[in-house]
Amino acid sequence: MGHFIRPKGSNKDATTGSKTNLKAEDIGVI
């Protein structure tokens, strides 16, 4: 599991990850 860890400027991970990834990024919990 490493959806929270996504490189900057890499929307691929965010799109491939789950909704939790986007939420985690939104809150800023890495």
PDB file of N, CA and C in Angstrom:
ATOM      1  N   MET A   1       0.848  -1.205   0.000  1.00  0.00           N
ATOM      2  CA  MET A   1       0.000   0.000   0.000  1.00  0.00           C
ATOM      3  C   MET A   1       0.879   1.249   0.000  1.00  0.00           C
ATOM      4  N   GLY A   2       0.674   2.087  -0.975  1.00  0.00           N
ATOM      5  CA  GLY A   2       1.455   3.332  -1.021  1.00  0.00           C
ATOM      6  C   GLY A   2       0.731   4.358  -1.867  1.00  0.00           C
ATOM      7  N   HIS A   3      -0.580   4.454  -1.636  1.00  0.00           N
ATOM      8  CA  HIS A   3      -1.368   5.387  -2.447  1.00  0.00           C
ATOM      9  C   HIS A   3      -1.188   6.806  -1.940  1.00  0.00           C
ATOM     10  N   PHE A   4      -0.884   6.933  -0.648  1.00  0.00           N
ATOM     11  CA  PHE A   4      -0.726   8.274  -0.084  1.00  0.00           C
ATOM     12  C   PHE A   4       0.561   8.910  -0.591  1.00  0.00           C
ATOM     13  N   ILE A   5       1.537   8.068  -0.947  1.00  0.00           N
ATOM     14  CA  ILE A   5       2.829   8.606  -1.392  1.00  0.00           C
ATOM     15  C   ILE A   5       2.812   8.747  -2.909  1.00  0.00           C
ATOM     16  N   ARG A   6       2.510   9.926  -3.382  1.00  0.00           N
ATOM     17  CA  ARG A   6       2.479  10.127  -4.836  1.00  0.00           C
ATOM     18  C   ARG A   6       3.325  11.350  -5.188  1.00  0.00           C
ATOM     19  N   PRO A   7       4.224  11.201  -6.168  1.00  0.00           N
ATOM     20  CA  PRO A   7       5.109  12.298  -6.561  1.00  0.00           C
ATOM     21  C   PRO A   7       4.320  13.510  -7.020  1.00  0.00           C
ATOM     22  N   LYS A   8       4.923  14.686  -6.834  1.00  0.00           N
ATOM     23  CA  LYS A   8       4.224  15.922  -7.240  1.00  0.00           C
ATOM     24  C   LYS A   8       4.179  16.002  -8.760  1.00  0.00           C
ATOM     25  N   GLY A   9       3.078  16.504  -9.276  1.00  0.00           N
ATOM     26  CA  GLY A   9       2.942  16.629 -10.731  1.00  0.00           C
ATOM     27  C   GLY A   9       2.701  15.282 -11.377  1.00  0.00           C
ATOM     28  N   SER A  10       2.264  14.307 -10.581  1.00  0.00           N
ATOM     29  CA  SER A  10       1.998  12.979 -11.139  1.00  0.00           C
ATOM     30  C   SER A  10       0.537  12.633 -10.886  1.00  0.00           C
ATOM     31  N   ASN A  11      -0.308  13.044 -11.798  1.00  0.00           N
ATOM     32  CA  ASN A  11      -1.737  12.756 -11.628  1.00  0.00           C
ATOM     33  C   ASN A  11      -2.041  11.292 -11.931  1.00  0.00           C
ATOM     34  N   LYS A  12      -1.085  10.624 -12.565  1.00  0.00           N
ATOM     35  CA  LYS A  12      -1.303   9.212 -12.901  1.00  0.00           C
ATOM     36  C   LYS A  12      -1.572   8.415 -11.620  1.00  0.00           C
ATOM     37  N   ASP A  13      -0.742   8.627 -10.616  1.00  0.00           N
ATOM     38  CA  ASP A  13      -0.912   7.902  -9.363  1.00  0.00           C
ATOM     39  C   ASP A  13      -2.277   8.205  -8.761  1.00  0.00           C
ATOM     40  N   ALA A  14      -2.621   9.476  -8.743  1.00  0.00           N
ATOM     41  CA  ALA A  14      -3.895   9.883  -8.146  1.00  0.00           C
ATOM     42  C   ALA A  14      -5.056   9.229  -8.893  1.00  0.00           C
ATOM     43  N   THR A  15      -4.935   9.164 -10.220  1.00  0.00           N
ATOM     44  CA  THR A  15      -6.016   8.573 -11.009  1.00  0.00           C
ATOM     45  C   THR A  15      -6.033   7.064 -10.844  1.00  0.00           C
ATOM     46  N   THR A  16      -4.854   6.469 -10.739  1.00  0.00           N
ATOM     47  CA  THR A  16      -4.792   5.015 -10.603  1.00  0.00           C
ATOM     48  C   THR A  16      -5.136   4.594  -9.186  1.00  0.00           C
ATOM     49  N   GLY A  17      -4.804   5.458  -8.223  1.00  0.00           N
ATOM     50  CA  GLY A  17      -5.081   5.149  -6.820  1.00  0.00           C
ATOM     51  C   GLY A  17      -6.578   5.151  -6.543  1.00  0.00           C
ATOM     52  N   SER A  18      -6.917   5.006  -5.287  1.00  0.00           N
ATOM     53  CA  SER A  18      -8.332   4.989  -4.913  1.00  0.00           C
ATOM     54  C   SER A  18      -8.772   6.371  -4.462  1.00  0.00           C
ATOM     55  N   LYS A  19     -10.052   6.494  -4.156  1.00  0.00           N
ATOM     56  CA  LYS A  19     -10.563   7.789  -3.697  1.00  0.00           C
ATOM     57  C   LYS A  19      -9.856   8.202  -2.409  1.00  0.00           C
ATOM     58  N   THR A  20      -9.381   7.219  -1.657  1.00  0.00           N
ATOM     59  CA  THR A  20      -8.690   7.526  -0.402  1.00  0.00           C
ATOM     60  C   THR A  20      -7.433   8.341  -0.687  1.00  0.00           C
ATOM     61  N   ASN A  21      -6.785   8.035  -1.806  1.00  0.00           N
ATOM     62  CA  ASN A  21      -5.566   8.768  -2.161  1.00  0.00           C
ATOM     63  C   ASN A  21      -5.882  10.246  -2.328  1.00  0.00           C
ATOM     64  N   LEU A  22      -6.920  10.534  -3.077  1.00  0.00           N
ATOM     65  CA  LEU A  22      -7.294  11.935  -3.315  1.00  0.00           C
ATOM     66  C   LEU A  22      -7.662  12.597  -1.992  1.00  0.00           C
ATOM     67  N   LYS A  23      -8.407  11.879  -1.160  1.00  0.00           N
ATOM     68  CA  LYS A  23      -8.816  12.448   0.128  1.00  0.00           C
ATOM     69  C   LYS A  23      -7.586  12.728   0.978  1.00  0.00           C
ATOM     70  N   ALA A  24      -6.676  11.783   1.036  1.00  0.00           N
ATOM     71  CA  ALA A  24      -5.461  11.957   1.836  1.00  0.00           C
ATOM     72  C   ALA A  24      -4.687  13.171   1.349  1.00  0.00           C
ATOM     73  N   GLU A  25      -4.622  13.322   0.035  1.00  0.00           N
ATOM     74  CA  GLU A  25      -3.892  14.467  -0.522  1.00  0.00           C
ATOM     75  C   GLU A  25      -4.633  15.763  -0.174  1.00  0.00           C
ATOM     76  N   ASP A  26      -5.942  15.688  -0.197  1.00  0.00           N
ATOM     77  CA  ASP A  26      -6.742  16.879   0.101  1.00  0.00           C
ATOM     78  C   ASP A  26      -6.484  17.344   1.531  1.00  0.00           C
ATOM     79  N   ILE A  27      -6.477  16.399   2.468  1.00  0.00           N
ATOM     80  CA  ILE A  27      -6.247  16.780   3.866  1.00  0.00           C
ATOM     81  C   ILE A  27      -4.761  17.095   4.086  1.00  0.00           C
ATOM     82  N   GLY A  28      -3.912  16.531   3.269  1.00  0.00           N
ATOM     83  CA  GLY A  28      -2.487  16.785   3.434  1.00  0.00           C
ATOM     84  C   GLY A  28      -1.862  15.779   4.382  1.00  0.00           C
ATOM     85  N   VAL A  29      -2.440  14.613   4.491  1.00  0.00           N
ATOM     86  CA  VAL A  29      -1.900  13.583   5.381  1.00  0.00           C
ATOM     87  C   VAL A  29      -1.070  12.620   4.557  1.00  0.00           C
ATOM     88  N   ILE A  30       0.245  12.768   4.620  1.00  0.00           N
ATOM     89  CA  ILE A  30       1.093  11.905   3.792  1.00  0.00           C
ATOM     90  C   ILE A  30       1.818  10.911   4.693  1.00  0.00           C
TER      91      ILE A  30
END
